[in-house]
Amino acid sequence: MKELSGRVAVVTGAASGIGRALASRFVAEGMSVVLADVEQEPLDRAVRELQDAGGKDAGGRDRVLGVQTDVSRLEQVEALAARTLSRFGAVHVVCNNAGVGSGASLAEIPLEVWHWVMGVNFWGVLYGCRVFLPLLRQQPEGHIVNTASVAALCGEAPTTAPYVASKAAVLGMSETLQRELEDAGEPIGVSVLLPGPVNTNIPTSDRNRPSGVPSLRDHPSQKLAQQFLRSVMGTTWLEPDQVAAMVVAAIRDNRFYIVTHRERTIDIVRKRLEPMGILDSIGNPA
C-alpha cells in the first residue's frame, strides 16, 4: 500500500507507546485514525492531542476517533469495527498492537495472569484479524500489522512465560495468515512487528489488570526479567516514533518482518538454532 493519505487506520493500544506513535504518524500521513485503548482518560488525551496536531480534514471534520476497547473481548472488538465503519465508512490498515506483560517463575504464575496476558496479547490480535479482515476485503487493498516481540524468538527469557508464549503465538499466526493471503492472491498485506527494547508503558501494564487478576508487580522476578533483557539486547532502547516510522515503511513496501534491533536479533536467532544442529549443516557465519 503505497498511498496512505485519505485512507483509514485502526490502532489498538493507541493511548501510549508504540500505538500512540503509530496513530500520530498515520495522522501526519493524512489518514483518518481510530484509536482504541482500554484506558479511557489517556485515550481521550491522545485523541485531543492528535486533533490539535492537525487531525482534521479539508472540511474541518475530525479525522481522529477514540473508542474504549478491551481487545480480549470479542464483542468489544466487533463494536470497534462498527464504530469505525459508522464514522469513516471503511478501514484500510489495522494495527493489532495492544499488549500487556506480567510474570514470575512459571510455577508461581497464577492462571488468572495467564488468561489476562494471553487474552490481550494473543486473543486480542486474533479477534482483530477475524473481525477486520472481511472489512479489508471490501477495499482495493489493505494491510494488517500484528505486534509480536523479539521475545517470540527468545524463549529462554526467565519469568516471562505468558508474554513469550503469547508473542510466539502471534508470530506463528501472522506467518500463516500472510501465506494464506499471498497464496490466494488477495491484495492484503501482513506485517509482524518484532520490537526489542522500546520506551513504552508495558513495564507498568499491571495498572490495567482486571479485577481478580493478582498483581505480580513487586515480585522479585520482575527485576530478573529486566536484567536479562538488558544483557541480551544491550542498552539501545528506541523511542516509539522510531518504531512507527519502521512500520509505515513496511506497509508501503509490503514487508512482512519488522525487526527493530536487527543485529542483536541475529545473535538471538543464531543462539536458538545452534542447539538444533542446523547451523552446522549450512555453515555457521563467523
C-alpha atoms as a PDB file:
ATOM      1  CA  MET A   1       0.000   0.000   0.000  1.00  0.00           C
ATOM      2  CA  LYS A   2       1.971   2.957  -1.285  1.00  0.00           C
ATOM      3  CA  GLU A   3      -0.633   5.653  -0.710  1.00  0.00           C
ATOM      4  CA  LEU A   4      -1.821   6.255   2.851  1.00  0.00           C
ATOM      5  CA  SER A   5      -3.383   9.688   2.575  1.00  0.00           C
ATOM      6  CA  GLY A   6      -7.164   9.549   2.610  1.00  0.00           C
ATOM      7  CA  ARG A   7      -7.194   6.001   3.992  1.00  0.00           C
ATOM      8  CA  VAL A   8      -8.476   4.796   7.402  1.00  0.00           C
ATOM      9  CA  ALA A   9      -6.364   3.109  10.083  1.00  0.00           C
ATOM     10  CA  VAL A  10      -7.372   1.379  13.314  1.00  0.00           C
ATOM     11  CA  VAL A  11      -4.764   1.090  16.077  1.00  0.00           C
ATOM     12  CA  THR A  12      -5.255  -0.801  19.341  1.00  0.00           C
ATOM     13  CA  GLY A  13      -3.261   0.032  22.438  1.00  0.00           C
ATOM     14  CA  ALA A  14      -3.185   3.531  20.964  1.00  0.00           C
ATOM     15  CA  ALA A  15      -3.207   5.708  24.092  1.00  0.00           C
ATOM     16  CA  SER A  16       0.513   5.354  24.699  1.00  0.00           C
ATOM     17  CA  GLY A  17       3.755   3.817  23.491  1.00  0.00           C
ATOM     18  CA  ILE A  18       4.049   2.323  20.026  1.00  0.00           C
ATOM     19  CA  GLY A  19       0.302   2.539  19.419  1.00  0.00           C
ATOM     20  CA  ARG A  20       0.236   6.243  20.202  1.00  0.00           C
ATOM     21  CA  ALA A  21       3.211   6.820  17.899  1.00  0.00           C
ATOM     22  CA  LEU A  22       1.551   4.841  15.105  1.00  0.00           C
ATOM     23  CA  ALA A  23      -1.618   6.900  15.400  1.00  0.00           C
ATOM     24  CA  SER A  24       0.378  10.127  15.286  1.00  0.00           C
ATOM     25  CA  ARG A  25       2.335   9.010  12.243  1.00  0.00           C
ATOM     26  CA  PHE A  26      -0.817   7.916  10.408  1.00  0.00           C
ATOM     27  CA  VAL A  27      -2.444  11.296  11.050  1.00  0.00           C
ATOM     28  CA  ALA A  28       0.691  13.003   9.730  1.00  0.00           C
ATOM     29  CA  GLU A  29       0.386  10.833   6.601  1.00  0.00           C
ATOM     30  CA  GLY A  30      -3.105  12.198   6.006  1.00  0.00           C
ATOM     31  CA  MET A  31      -5.051   9.199   7.264  1.00  0.00           C
ATOM     32  CA  SER A  32      -8.176   9.082   9.393  1.00  0.00           C
ATOM     33  CA  VAL A  33      -7.364   7.129  12.544  1.00  0.00           C
ATOM     34  CA  VAL A  34      -9.394   5.224  15.112  1.00  0.00           C
ATOM     35  CA  LEU A  35      -7.556   4.901  18.421  1.00  0.00           C
ATOM     36  CA  ALA A  36      -8.600   2.010  20.650  1.00  0.00           C
ATOM     37  CA  ASP A  37      -7.422   1.530  24.213  1.00  0.00           C
ATOM     38  CA  VAL A  38      -8.723   0.126  27.473  1.00  0.00           C
ATOM     39  CA  GLU A  39      -7.727   3.284  29.412  1.00  0.00           C
ATOM     40  CA  GLN A  40     -10.325   5.995  28.868  1.00  0.00           C
ATOM     41  CA  GLU A  41      -8.519   9.079  30.229  1.00  0.00           C
ATOM     42  CA  PRO A  42      -5.216   8.556  28.365  1.00  0.00           C
ATOM     43  CA  LEU A  43      -7.243   7.676  25.268  1.00  0.00           C
ATOM     44  CA  ASP A  44      -9.200  10.925  25.458  1.00  0.00           C
ATOM     45  CA  ARG A  45      -5.983  12.870  25.922  1.00  0.00           C
ATOM     46  CA  ALA A  46      -4.341  11.213  22.921  1.00  0.00           C
ATOM     47  CA  VAL A  47      -7.366  11.972  20.737  1.00  0.00           C
ATOM     48  CA  ARG A  48      -7.359  15.643  21.764  1.00  0.00           C
ATOM     49  CA  GLU A  49      -3.645  15.952  21.094  1.00  0.00           C
ATOM     50  CA  LEU A  50      -3.933  14.449  17.629  1.00  0.00           C
ATOM     51  CA  GLN A  51      -6.922  16.613  16.784  1.00  0.00           C
ATOM     52  CA  ASP A  52      -4.957  19.693  17.831  1.00  0.00           C
ATOM     53  CA  ALA A  53      -1.983  18.488  15.784  1.00  0.00           C
ATOM     54  CA  GLY A  54      -3.901  18.612  12.512  1.00  0.00           C
ATOM     55  CA  GLY A  55      -6.278  15.688  12.734  1.00  0.00           C
ATOM     56  CA  LYS A  56      -8.975  17.360  10.665  1.00  0.00           C
ATOM     57  CA  ASP A  57      -9.915  17.010   7.002  1.00  0.00           C
ATOM     58  CA  ALA A  58     -10.298  19.782   4.433  1.00  0.00           C
ATOM     59  CA  GLY A  59     -13.836  20.378   5.612  1.00  0.00           C
ATOM     60  CA  GLY A  60     -12.786  20.822   9.219  1.00  0.00           C
ATOM     61  CA  ARG A  61     -14.147  17.439  10.353  1.00  0.00           C
ATOM     62  CA  ASP A  62     -12.175  15.394  12.839  1.00  0.00           C
ATOM     63  CA  ARG A  63     -10.063  12.606  11.330  1.00  0.00           C
ATOM     64  CA  VAL A  64      -9.453  11.098  14.774  1.00  0.00           C
ATOM     65  CA  LEU A  65     -11.825   8.919  16.798  1.00  0.00           C
ATOM     66  CA  GLY A  66     -11.247   7.253  20.163  1.00  0.00           C
ATOM     67  CA  VAL A  67     -13.066   4.061  21.151  1.00  0.00           C
ATOM     68  CA  GLN A  68     -12.511   2.493  24.562  1.00  0.00           C
ATOM     69  CA  THR A  69     -11.871  -1.170  23.834  1.00  0.00           C
ATOM     70  CA  ASP A  70     -10.820  -4.264  25.752  1.00  0.00           C
ATOM     71  CA  VAL A  71      -9.376  -6.301  22.888  1.00  0.00           C
ATOM     72  CA  SER A  72      -9.611  -9.521  24.911  1.00  0.00           C
ATOM     73  CA  ARG A  73     -13.407  -9.340  24.486  1.00  0.00           C
ATOM     74  CA  LEU A  74     -14.694 -10.214  21.036  1.00  0.00           C
ATOM     75  CA  GLU A  75     -17.859  -8.151  21.365  1.00  0.00           C
ATOM     76  CA  GLN A  76     -15.807  -5.022  22.064  1.00  0.00           C
ATOM     77  CA  VAL A  77     -13.598  -5.587  19.011  1.00  0.00           C
ATOM     78  CA  GLU A  78     -16.772  -6.023  16.954  1.00  0.00           C
ATOM     79  CA  ALA A  79     -18.085  -2.764  18.410  1.00  0.00           C
ATOM     80  CA  LEU A  80     -14.788  -1.084  17.484  1.00  0.00           C
ATOM     81  CA  ALA A  81     -15.240  -2.190  13.875  1.00  0.00           C
ATOM     82  CA  ALA A  82     -18.834  -0.963  13.841  1.00  0.00           C
ATOM     83  CA  ARG A  83     -17.822   2.457  15.195  1.00  0.00           C
ATOM     84  CA  THR A  84     -15.086   2.678  12.572  1.00  0.00           C
ATOM     85  CA  LEU A  85     -17.481   1.990   9.716  1.00  0.00           C
ATOM     86  CA  SER A  86     -20.123   4.289  11.133  1.00  0.00           C
ATOM     87  CA  ARG A  87     -17.679   7.173  11.361  1.00  0.00           C
ATOM     88  CA  PHE A  88     -15.407   6.695   8.338  1.00  0.00           C
ATOM     89  CA  GLY A  89     -17.156   4.128   6.141  1.00  0.00           C
ATOM     90  CA  ALA A  90     -14.107   1.926   5.571  1.00  0.00           C
ATOM     91  CA  VAL A  91     -10.892   0.563   7.028  1.00  0.00           C
ATOM     92  CA  HIS A  92      -7.620   0.022   5.170  1.00  0.00           C
ATOM     93  CA  VAL A  93      -4.938  -0.538   7.847  1.00  0.00           C
ATOM     94  CA  VAL A  94      -5.361  -2.438  11.116  1.00  0.00           C
ATOM     95  CA  CYS A  95      -2.628  -2.441  13.760  1.00  0.00           C
ATOM     96  CA  ASN A  96      -3.300  -5.089  16.403  1.00  0.00           C
ATOM     97  CA  ASN A  97      -0.880  -3.567  18.859  1.00  0.00           C
ATOM     98  CA  ALA A  98      -2.376  -3.727  22.369  1.00  0.00           C
ATOM     99  CA  GLY A  99      -0.210  -5.708  24.763  1.00  0.00           C
ATOM    100  CA  VAL A 100       0.486  -6.359  28.436  1.00  0.00           C
ATOM    101  CA  GLY A 101       3.195  -8.124  30.381  1.00  0.00           C
ATOM    102  CA  SER A 102       3.351  -9.894  33.724  1.00  0.00           C
ATOM    103  CA  GLY A 103       5.147 -12.884  35.084  1.00  0.00           C
ATOM    104  CA  ALA A 104       7.159 -14.760  37.667  1.00  0.00           C
ATOM    105  CA  SER A 105       8.723 -18.191  37.692  1.00  0.00           C
ATOM    106  CA  LEU A 106       6.352 -20.449  35.781  1.00  0.00           C
ATOM    107  CA  ALA A 107       5.217 -22.465  38.792  1.00  0.00           C
ATOM    108  CA  GLU A 108       4.299 -19.266  40.644  1.00  0.00           C
ATOM    109  CA  ILE A 109       2.218 -17.579  37.934  1.00  0.00           C
ATOM    110  CA  PRO A 110      -1.491 -17.698  38.786  1.00  0.00           C
ATOM    111  CA  LEU A 111      -3.719 -18.957  35.994  1.00  0.00           C
ATOM    112  CA  GLU A 112      -5.628 -15.677  36.134  1.00  0.00           C
ATOM    113  CA  VAL A 113      -2.442 -13.910  34.953  1.00  0.00           C
ATOM    114  CA  TRP A 114      -2.056 -16.369  32.098  1.00  0.00           C
ATOM    115  CA  HIS A 115      -5.643 -15.763  30.983  1.00  0.00           C
ATOM    116  CA  TRP A 116      -5.173 -11.980  31.130  1.00  0.00           C
ATOM    117  CA  VAL A 117      -1.887 -11.860  29.211  1.00  0.00           C
ATOM    118  CA  MET A 118      -2.968 -14.379  26.582  1.00  0.00           C
ATOM    119  CA  GLY A 119      -6.353 -12.668  26.309  1.00  0.00           C
ATOM    120  CA  VAL A 120      -4.847  -9.304  25.402  1.00  0.00           C
ATOM    121  CA  ASN A 121      -1.682 -10.317  23.569  1.00  0.00           C
ATOM    122  CA  PHE A 122      -2.931 -13.277  21.552  1.00  0.00           C
ATOM    123  CA  TRP A 123      -6.728 -13.379  21.529  1.00  0.00           C
ATOM    124  CA  GLY A 124      -6.828  -9.613  21.030  1.00  0.00           C
ATOM    125  CA  VAL A 125      -4.732  -9.974  17.880  1.00  0.00           C
ATOM    126  CA  LEU A 126      -6.769 -12.948  16.662  1.00  0.00           C
ATOM    127  CA  TYR A 127     -10.032 -11.077  17.221  1.00  0.00           C
ATOM    128  CA  GLY A 128      -8.632  -8.073  15.377  1.00  0.00           C
ATOM    129  CA  CYS A 129      -7.696 -10.210  12.387  1.00  0.00           C
ATOM    130  CA  ARG A 130     -11.006 -12.106  12.279  1.00  0.00           C
ATOM    131  CA  VAL A 131     -13.226  -9.041  12.720  1.00  0.00           C
ATOM    132  CA  PHE A 132     -11.404  -6.650  10.409  1.00  0.00           C
ATOM    133  CA  LEU A 133     -10.296  -8.994   7.623  1.00  0.00           C
ATOM    134  CA  PRO A 134     -13.762  -9.060   5.982  1.00  0.00           C
ATOM    135  CA  LEU A 135     -13.770  -5.244   6.037  1.00  0.00           C
ATOM    136  CA  LEU A 136     -10.326  -5.044   4.474  1.00  0.00           C
ATOM    137  CA  ARG A 137     -11.521  -7.371   1.719  1.00  0.00           C
ATOM    138  CA  GLN A 138     -14.105  -4.767   0.747  1.00  0.00           C
ATOM    139  CA  GLN A 139     -11.313  -2.349  -0.248  1.00  0.00           C
ATOM    140  CA  PRO A 140      -8.958  -2.409  -3.260  1.00  0.00           C
ATOM    141  CA  GLU A 141      -6.087  -3.078  -0.858  1.00  0.00           C
ATOM    142  CA  GLY A 142      -5.385  -3.277   2.848  1.00  0.00           C
ATOM    143  CA  HIS A 143      -2.757  -4.112   5.429  1.00  0.00           C
ATOM    144  CA  ILE A 144      -2.623  -5.794   8.842  1.00  0.00           C
ATOM    145  CA  VAL A 145       0.180  -5.159  11.330  1.00  0.00           C
ATOM    146  CA  ASN A 146       0.368  -7.533  14.303  1.00  0.00           C
ATOM    147  CA  THR A 147       2.654  -6.612  17.188  1.00  0.00           C
ATOM    148  CA  ALA A 148       4.631  -9.577  18.483  1.00  0.00           C
ATOM    149  CA  SER A 149       8.060  -9.129  20.104  1.00  0.00           C
ATOM    150  CA  VAL A 150      11.654 -10.225  19.796  1.00  0.00           C
ATOM    151  CA  ALA A 151      10.664 -12.330  22.805  1.00  0.00           C
ATOM    152  CA  ALA A 152       8.900 -14.616  20.330  1.00  0.00           C
ATOM    153  CA  LEU A 153      12.382 -15.635  19.161  1.00  0.00           C
ATOM    154  CA  CYS A 154      13.933 -15.776  22.620  1.00  0.00           C
ATOM    155  CA  GLY A 155      12.074 -18.401  24.592  1.00  0.00           C
ATOM    156  CA  GLU A 156      14.708 -18.676  27.301  1.00  0.00           C
ATOM    157  CA  ALA A 157      13.825 -15.321  28.898  1.00  0.00           C
ATOM    158  CA  PRO A 158      13.221 -16.149  32.586  1.00  0.00           C
ATOM    159  CA  THR A 159       9.988 -15.225  34.400  1.00  0.00           C
ATOM    160  CA  THR A 160       8.199 -14.104  31.220  1.00  0.00           C
ATOM    161  CA  ALA A 161       6.433 -17.295  30.137  1.00  0.00           C
ATOM    162  CA  PRO A 162       2.963 -15.787  29.476  1.00  0.00           C
ATOM    163  CA  TYR A 163       4.409 -12.893  27.498  1.00  0.00           C
ATOM    164  CA  VAL A 164       6.786 -15.080  25.474  1.00  0.00           C
ATOM    165  CA  ALA A 165       4.088 -17.670  24.760  1.00  0.00           C
ATOM    166  CA  SER A 166       1.596 -15.045  23.628  1.00  0.00           C
ATOM    167  CA  LYS A 167       4.066 -13.297  21.335  1.00  0.00           C
ATOM    168  CA  ALA A 168       5.268 -16.573  19.824  1.00  0.00           C
ATOM    169  CA  ALA A 169       1.629 -17.401  19.084  1.00  0.00           C
ATOM    170  CA  VAL A 170       1.149 -14.029  17.371  1.00  0.00           C
ATOM    171  CA  LEU A 171       4.244 -14.608  15.235  1.00  0.00           C
ATOM    172  CA  GLY A 172       3.119 -18.059  14.117  1.00  0.00           C
ATOM    173  CA  MET A 173      -0.447 -16.964  13.412  1.00  0.00           C
ATOM    174  CA  SER A 174       0.764 -13.940  11.426  1.00  0.00           C
ATOM    175  CA  GLU A 175       3.110 -16.066   9.314  1.00  0.00           C
ATOM    176  CA  THR A 176       0.236 -18.409   8.479  1.00  0.00           C
ATOM    177  CA  LEU A 177      -2.146 -15.573   7.659  1.00  0.00           C
ATOM    178  CA  GLN A 178       0.376 -13.875   5.391  1.00  0.00           C
ATOM    179  CA  ARG A 179       0.965 -17.106   3.460  1.00  0.00           C
ATOM    180  CA  GLU A 180      -2.762 -17.780   3.069  1.00  0.00           C
ATOM    181  CA  LEU A 181      -3.491 -14.290   1.727  1.00  0.00           C
ATOM    182  CA  GLU A 182      -0.485 -14.381  -0.598  1.00  0.00           C
ATOM    183  CA  ASP A 183      -1.372 -17.811  -1.986  1.00  0.00           C
ATOM    184  CA  ALA A 184      -4.927 -16.634  -2.596  1.00  0.00           C
ATOM    185  CA  GLY A 185      -3.667 -13.564  -4.435  1.00  0.00           C
ATOM    186  CA  GLU A 186      -5.522 -11.221  -2.108  1.00  0.00           C
ATOM    187  CA  PRO A 187      -4.354  -7.582  -2.065  1.00  0.00           C
ATOM    188  CA  ILE A 188      -3.990  -7.517   1.713  1.00  0.00           C
ATOM    189  CA  GLY A 189      -0.522  -7.267   3.166  1.00  0.00           C
ATOM    190  CA  VAL A 190       0.505  -8.579   6.574  1.00  0.00           C
ATOM    191  CA  SER A 191       3.392  -7.438   8.734  1.00  0.00           C
ATOM    192  CA  VAL A 192       4.536  -8.710  12.104  1.00  0.00           C
ATOM    193  CA  LEU A 193       6.333  -6.242  14.350  1.00  0.00           C
ATOM    194  CA  LEU A 194       9.179  -7.745  16.395  1.00  0.00           C
ATOM    195  CA  PRO A 195      10.330  -4.915  18.656  1.00  0.00           C
ATOM    196  CA  GLY A 196      13.237  -5.173  21.016  1.00  0.00           C
ATOM    197  CA  PRO A 197      13.523  -2.682  23.888  1.00  0.00           C
ATOM    198  CA  VAL A 198      11.304   0.341  23.294  1.00  0.00           C
ATOM    199  CA  ASN A 199      10.440   3.055  25.815  1.00  0.00           C
ATOM    200  CA  THR A 200       6.782   2.242  26.473  1.00  0.00           C
ATOM    201  CA  ASN A 201       4.477   1.730  29.443  1.00  0.00           C
ATOM    202  CA  ILE A 202       4.383  -2.048  29.176  1.00  0.00           C
ATOM    203  CA  PRO A 203       6.505  -2.496  32.340  1.00  0.00           C
ATOM    204  CA  THR A 204       3.592  -0.871  34.203  1.00  0.00           C
ATOM    205  CA  SER A 205       0.807  -2.704  32.365  1.00  0.00           C
ATOM    206  CA  ASP A 206      -0.175  -4.157  35.730  1.00  0.00           C
ATOM    207  CA  ARG A 207      -2.185  -0.937  36.129  1.00  0.00           C
ATOM    208  CA  ASN A 208      -4.743  -2.307  33.668  1.00  0.00           C
ATOM    209  CA  ARG A 209      -5.171  -5.795  35.077  1.00  0.00           C
ATOM    210  CA  PRO A 210      -8.833  -6.724  35.553  1.00  0.00           C
ATOM    211  CA  SER A 211     -10.267  -7.336  38.994  1.00  0.00           C
ATOM    212  CA  GLY A 212      -9.469 -10.839  40.125  1.00  0.00           C
ATOM    213  CA  VAL A 213      -6.057 -10.918  38.457  1.00  0.00           C
ATOM    214  CA  PRO A 214      -3.300 -10.948  41.099  1.00  0.00           C
ATOM    215  CA  SER A 215      -0.564  -8.345  40.864  1.00  0.00           C
ATOM    216  CA  LEU A 216       2.995  -9.545  40.258  1.00  0.00           C
ATOM    217  CA  ARG A 217       4.398  -6.017  40.026  1.00  0.00           C
ATOM    218  CA  ASP A 218       6.575  -6.345  43.131  1.00  0.00           C
ATOM    219  CA  HIS A 219       7.599  -9.954  42.549  1.00  0.00           C
ATOM    220  CA  PRO A 220      11.416 -10.271  42.713  1.00  0.00           C
ATOM    221  CA  SER A 221      11.407 -11.914  39.299  1.00  0.00           C
ATOM    222  CA  GLN A 222      10.480  -8.643  37.617  1.00  0.00           C
ATOM    223  CA  LYS A 223      13.973  -7.257  38.185  1.00  0.00           C
ATOM    224  CA  LEU A 224      15.453 -10.501  36.893  1.00  0.00           C
ATOM    225  CA  ALA A 225      13.471 -10.178  33.664  1.00  0.00           C
ATOM    226  CA  GLN A 226      14.667  -6.603  33.122  1.00  0.00           C
ATOM    227  CA  GLN A 227      18.274  -7.577  33.806  1.00  0.00           C
ATOM    228  CA  PHE A 228      18.033 -10.430  31.307  1.00  0.00           C
ATOM    229  CA  LEU A 229      16.523  -8.154  28.668  1.00  0.00           C
ATOM    230  CA  ARG A 230      19.361  -5.656  29.022  1.00  0.00           C
ATOM    231  CA  SER A 231      22.007  -8.374  28.930  1.00  0.00           C
ATOM    232  CA  VAL A 232      20.577  -9.865  25.731  1.00  0.00           C
ATOM    233  CA  MET A 233      19.522  -6.728  23.868  1.00  0.00           C
ATOM    234  CA  GLY A 234      22.098  -4.241  25.149  1.00  0.00           C
ATOM    235  CA  THR A 235      21.380  -0.656  26.079  1.00  0.00           C
ATOM    236  CA  THR A 236      19.905   0.554  22.771  1.00  0.00           C
ATOM    237  CA  TRP A 237      16.344   1.482  23.625  1.00  0.00           C
ATOM    238  CA  LEU A 238      14.273   3.031  20.855  1.00  0.00           C
ATOM    239  CA  GLU A 239      11.578   5.657  21.063  1.00  0.00           C
ATOM    240  CA  PRO A 240       8.084   4.713  19.847  1.00  0.00           C
ATOM    241  CA  ASP A 241       8.176   7.205  16.978  1.00  0.00           C
ATOM    242  CA  GLN A 242      11.245   5.441  15.576  1.00  0.00           C
ATOM    243  CA  VAL A 243       9.298   2.183  15.538  1.00  0.00           C
ATOM    244  CA  ALA A 244       6.290   3.877  13.939  1.00  0.00           C
ATOM    245  CA  ALA A 245       8.490   5.063  11.070  1.00  0.00           C
ATOM    246  CA  MET A 246       9.635   1.455  10.520  1.00  0.00           C
ATOM    247  CA  VAL A 247       6.033   0.251  10.445  1.00  0.00           C
ATOM    248  CA  VAL A 248       4.945   2.836   7.873  1.00  0.00           C
ATOM    249  CA  ALA A 249       7.911   1.918   5.672  1.00  0.00           C
ATOM    250  CA  ALA A 250       6.997  -1.791   5.932  1.00  0.00           C
ATOM    251  CA  ILE A 251       3.385  -1.105   4.979  1.00  0.00           C
ATOM    252  CA  ARG A 252       4.499   0.815   1.898  1.00  0.00           C
ATOM    253  CA  ASP A 253       6.988  -1.918   0.938  1.00  0.00           C
ATOM    254  CA  ASN A 254       4.585  -4.757   1.813  1.00  0.00           C
ATOM    255  CA  ARG A 255       7.317  -6.207   4.027  1.00  0.00           C
ATOM    256  CA  PHE A 256       6.354  -8.961   6.470  1.00  0.00           C
ATOM    257  CA  TYR A 257       9.011  -8.861   9.208  1.00  0.00           C
ATOM    258  CA  ILE A 258       9.620  -5.573  11.018  1.00  0.00           C
ATOM    259  CA  VAL A 259      12.686  -6.062  13.218  1.00  0.00           C
ATOM    260  CA  THR A 260      13.704  -3.057  15.308  1.00  0.00           C
ATOM    261  CA  HIS A 261      17.061  -4.333  16.605  1.00  0.00           C
ATOM    262  CA  ARG A 262      18.437  -6.294  13.672  1.00  0.00           C
ATOM    263  CA  GLU A 263      21.992  -7.013  14.826  1.00  0.00           C
ATOM    264  CA  ARG A 264      21.000  -8.204  18.298  1.00  0.00           C
ATOM    265  CA  THR A 265      18.163 -10.253  16.839  1.00  0.00           C
ATOM    266  CA  ILE A 266      20.604 -12.064  14.548  1.00  0.00           C
ATOM    267  CA  ASP A 267      22.530 -13.174  17.640  1.00  0.00           C
ATOM    268  CA  ILE A 268      19.320 -14.320  19.335  1.00  0.00           C
ATOM    269  CA  VAL A 269      18.191 -16.382  16.346  1.00  0.00           C
ATOM    270  CA  ARG A 270      21.649 -17.913  15.908  1.00  0.00           C
ATOM    271  CA  LYS A 271      21.778 -18.877  19.582  1.00  0.00           C
ATOM    272  CA  ARG A 272      18.403 -20.554  19.234  1.00  0.00           C
ATOM    273  CA  LEU A 273      19.385 -22.529  16.141  1.00  0.00           C
ATOM    274  CA  GLU A 274      22.779 -23.724  17.376  1.00  0.00           C
ATOM    275  CA  PRO A 275      21.459 -26.431  19.750  1.00  0.00           C
ATOM    276  CA  MET A 276      19.360 -27.822  16.882  1.00  0.00           C
ATOM    277  CA  GLY A 277      22.472 -28.540  14.849  1.00  0.00           C
ATOM    278  CA  ILE A 278      21.007 -26.650  11.907  1.00  0.00           C
ATOM    279  CA  LEU A 279      23.841 -24.160  11.603  1.00  0.00           C
ATOM    280  CA  ASP A 280      26.424 -26.945  11.452  1.00  0.00           C
ATOM    281  CA  SER A 281      24.899 -28.263   8.245  1.00  0.00           C
ATOM    282  CA  ILE A 282      24.646 -24.911   6.465  1.00  0.00           C
ATOM    283  CA  GLY A 283      27.749 -23.273   7.823  1.00  0.00           C
ATOM    284  CA  ASN A 284      27.710 -21.034  10.860  1.00  0.00           C
ATOM    285  CA  PRO A 285      28.599 -17.465   9.772  1.00  0.00           C
ATOM    286  CA  ALA A 286      31.517 -16.017  11.645  1.00  0.00           C
END
